[in-house]
Amino acid sequence: MADEWKEDTVDDEFMCTICLEVMIEPTSACPEGHCCCRVCYVKYLRESAQQQCVTCLHPTDESRLVRNRHLENVINKLRVKCKHAAEGAKSGDAPSRTAA
């Protein structure tokens, strides 16, 4: 059924290291390929005095951001209950985050 969600633990590889939620538009900016949500990564780089990867601290900047569409497609197939499910969010609802 469309409204039944599989409640499961989500692999850490699908989690943003900044917002700690399942990534939306996974994006990388370092040679190691560490990803965060695009919105989170842009905000982090704009607000941080140190232009570096959140995970490995490799020097980087906003011009190196690359969307990881393969990972995004895998994440989009996940069936997990989001933290807003109790508030009435349903599968397929658009994310509420916007670019900074």
C-alpha atoms as a PDB file:
ATOM      1  CA  MET A   1       0.000   0.000   0.000  1.00  0.00           C
ATOM      2  CA  ALA A   2       1.236   3.470  -0.838  1.00  0.00           C
ATOM      3  CA  ASP A   3       0.712   4.899   2.653  1.00  0.00           C
ATOM      4  CA  GLU A   4       2.544   2.081   4.442  1.00  0.00           C
ATOM      5  CA  TRP A   5       6.187   2.909   4.937  1.00  0.00           C
ATOM      6  CA  LYS A   6       8.858   0.445   5.850  1.00  0.00           C
ATOM      7  CA  GLU A   7      10.397   1.543   9.128  1.00  0.00           C
ATOM      8  CA  ASP A   8      14.028   0.566   9.000  1.00  0.00           C
ATOM      9  CA  THR A   9      17.380   1.919   9.930  1.00  0.00           C
ATOM     10  CA  VAL A  10      18.951   3.915   7.156  1.00  0.00           C
ATOM     11  CA  ASP A  11      22.568   3.228   6.249  1.00  0.00           C
ATOM     12  CA  ASP A  12      24.903   6.026   7.359  1.00  0.00           C
ATOM     13  CA  GLU A  13      26.044   6.402   3.746  1.00  0.00           C
ATOM     14  CA  PHE A  14      22.619   7.929   2.979  1.00  0.00           C
ATOM     15  CA  MET A  15      22.753  10.450   5.832  1.00  0.00           C
ATOM     16  CA  CYS A  16      23.932  14.054   5.543  1.00  0.00           C
ATOM     17  CA  THR A  17      26.757  14.739   7.995  1.00  0.00           C
ATOM     18  CA  ILE A  18      25.508  18.299   8.445  1.00  0.00           C
ATOM     19  CA  CYS A  19      21.732  18.016   9.042  1.00  0.00           C
ATOM     20  CA  LEU A  20      21.850  14.311  10.028  1.00  0.00           C
ATOM     21  CA  GLU A  21      18.847  13.494   7.823  1.00  0.00           C
ATOM     22  CA  VAL A  22      18.591  11.364   4.676  1.00  0.00           C
ATOM     23  CA  MET A  23      20.323  13.409   1.977  1.00  0.00           C
ATOM     24  CA  ILE A  24      18.377  15.531  -0.484  1.00  0.00           C
ATOM     25  CA  GLU A  25      20.356  16.121  -3.690  1.00  0.00           C
ATOM     26  CA  PRO A  26      23.551  14.384  -2.457  1.00  0.00           C
ATOM     27  CA  THR A  27      26.487  16.574  -3.418  1.00  0.00           C
ATOM     28  CA  SER A  28      30.244  16.148  -3.144  1.00  0.00           C
ATOM     29  CA  ALA A  29      33.092  18.652  -3.311  1.00  0.00           C
ATOM     30  CA  CYS A  30      36.145  16.596  -2.383  1.00  0.00           C
ATOM     31  CA  PRO A  31      38.196  13.936  -4.217  1.00  0.00           C
ATOM     32  CA  GLU A  32      37.073  11.298  -1.690  1.00  0.00           C
ATOM     33  CA  GLY A  33      33.428  11.723  -2.760  1.00  0.00           C
ATOM     34  CA  HIS A  34      31.994  12.520   0.688  1.00  0.00           C
ATOM     35  CA  CYS A  35      28.428  13.760   0.222  1.00  0.00           C
ATOM     36  CA  CYS A  36      25.998  16.043   2.022  1.00  0.00           C
ATOM     37  CA  CYS A  37      22.682  17.583   1.017  1.00  0.00           C
ATOM     38  CA  ARG A  38      23.327  20.239  -1.617  1.00  0.00           C
ATOM     39  CA  VAL A  39      21.586  22.946   0.442  1.00  0.00           C
ATOM     40  CA  CYS A  40      23.558  21.980   3.556  1.00  0.00           C
ATOM     41  CA  TYR A  41      26.886  21.907   1.702  1.00  0.00           C
ATOM     42  CA  VAL A  42      26.336  25.309   0.063  1.00  0.00           C
ATOM     43  CA  LYS A  43      25.304  26.865   3.373  1.00  0.00           C
ATOM     44  CA  TYR A  44      28.259  25.277   5.171  1.00  0.00           C
ATOM     45  CA  LEU A  45      30.780  26.528   2.590  1.00  0.00           C
ATOM     46  CA  ARG A  46      29.289  30.049   2.540  1.00  0.00           C
ATOM     47  CA  GLU A  47      29.249  30.350   6.335  1.00  0.00           C
ATOM     48  CA  SER A  48      32.522  28.567   7.100  1.00  0.00           C
ATOM     49  CA  ALA A  49      35.822  30.410   7.365  1.00  0.00           C
ATOM     50  CA  GLN A  50      37.515  27.150   6.340  1.00  0.00           C
ATOM     51  CA  GLN A  51      36.677  25.975   2.811  1.00  0.00           C
ATOM     52  CA  GLN A  52      36.987  22.232   3.365  1.00  0.00           C
ATOM     53  CA  CYS A  53      35.116  18.937   3.192  1.00  0.00           C
ATOM     54  CA  VAL A  54      32.939  18.391   6.240  1.00  0.00           C
ATOM     55  CA  THR A  55      34.128  14.781   6.593  1.00  0.00           C
ATOM     56  CA  CYS A  56      37.825  14.629   5.633  1.00  0.00           C
ATOM     57  CA  LEU A  57      38.722  18.350   5.819  1.00  0.00           C
ATOM     58  CA  HIS A  58      40.198  18.304   2.298  1.00  0.00           C
ATOM     59  CA  PRO A  59      40.381  21.878   0.932  1.00  0.00           C
ATOM     60  CA  THR A  60      37.461  22.638  -1.389  1.00  0.00           C
ATOM     61  CA  ASP A  61      35.067  25.392  -2.418  1.00  0.00           C
ATOM     62  CA  GLU A  62      31.588  25.906  -3.846  1.00  0.00           C
ATOM     63  CA  SER A  63      32.836  25.735  -7.455  1.00  0.00           C
ATOM     64  CA  ARG A  64      33.737  22.045  -6.923  1.00  0.00           C
ATOM     65  CA  LEU A  65      30.253  20.918  -5.896  1.00  0.00           C
ATOM     66  CA  VAL A  66      29.059  17.942  -7.943  1.00  0.00           C
ATOM     67  CA  ARG A  67      25.643  16.329  -7.569  1.00  0.00           C
ATOM     68  CA  ASN A  68      25.778  12.553  -7.070  1.00  0.00           C
ATOM     69  CA  ARG A  69      22.779  11.460  -9.140  1.00  0.00           C
ATOM     70  CA  HIS A  70      23.494   7.749  -8.727  1.00  0.00           C
ATOM     71  CA  LEU A  71      23.324   8.051  -4.936  1.00  0.00           C
ATOM     72  CA  GLU A  72      20.277  10.310  -5.253  1.00  0.00           C
ATOM     73  CA  ASN A  73      18.456   7.645  -7.306  1.00  0.00           C
ATOM     74  CA  VAL A  74      19.257   4.982  -4.684  1.00  0.00           C
ATOM     75  CA  ILE A  75      18.047   7.260  -1.862  1.00  0.00           C
ATOM     76  CA  ASN A  76      14.838   8.052  -3.758  1.00  0.00           C
ATOM     77  CA  LYS A  77      14.005   4.330  -3.754  1.00  0.00           C
ATOM     78  CA  LEU A  78      14.263   4.083   0.044  1.00  0.00           C
ATOM     79  CA  ARG A  79      11.022   3.518   1.899  1.00  0.00           C
ATOM     80  CA  VAL A  80      11.500   4.961   5.367  1.00  0.00           C
ATOM     81  CA  LYS A  81       9.345   7.011   7.679  1.00  0.00           C
ATOM     82  CA  CYS A  82      10.563  10.595   7.877  1.00  0.00           C
ATOM     83  CA  LYS A  83      10.691  12.521  11.138  1.00  0.00           C
ATOM     84  CA  HIS A  84       7.625  14.523  10.011  1.00  0.00           C
ATOM     85  CA  ALA A  85       5.383  11.481   9.422  1.00  0.00           C
ATOM     86  CA  ALA A  86       3.547  12.032  12.714  1.00  0.00           C
ATOM     87  CA  GLU A  87       2.711  15.572  11.543  1.00  0.00           C
ATOM     88  CA  GLY A  88       0.927  14.281   8.460  1.00  0.00           C
ATOM     89  CA  ALA A  89       3.721  14.151   5.884  1.00  0.00           C
ATOM     90  CA  LYS A  90       3.108  11.420   3.338  1.00  0.00           C
ATOM     91  CA  SER A  91       5.280   9.542   0.876  1.00  0.00           C
ATOM     92  CA  GLY A  92       5.992  11.765  -2.121  1.00  0.00           C
ATOM     93  CA  ASP A  93       5.605  15.069  -0.263  1.00  0.00           C
ATOM     94  CA  ALA A  94       8.180  17.571  -1.457  1.00  0.00           C
ATOM     95  CA  PRO A  95      11.001  18.429   0.959  1.00  0.00           C
ATOM     96  CA  SER A  96      10.594  21.761   2.701  1.00  0.00           C
ATOM     97  CA  ARG A  97      14.245  22.826   2.572  1.00  0.00           C
ATOM     98  CA  THR A  98      15.218  25.576   0.157  1.00  0.00           C
ATOM     99  CA  ALA A  99      18.555  26.962  -0.959  1.00  0.00           C
ATOM    100  CA  ALA A 100      20.130  29.565   1.277  1.00  0.00           C
END
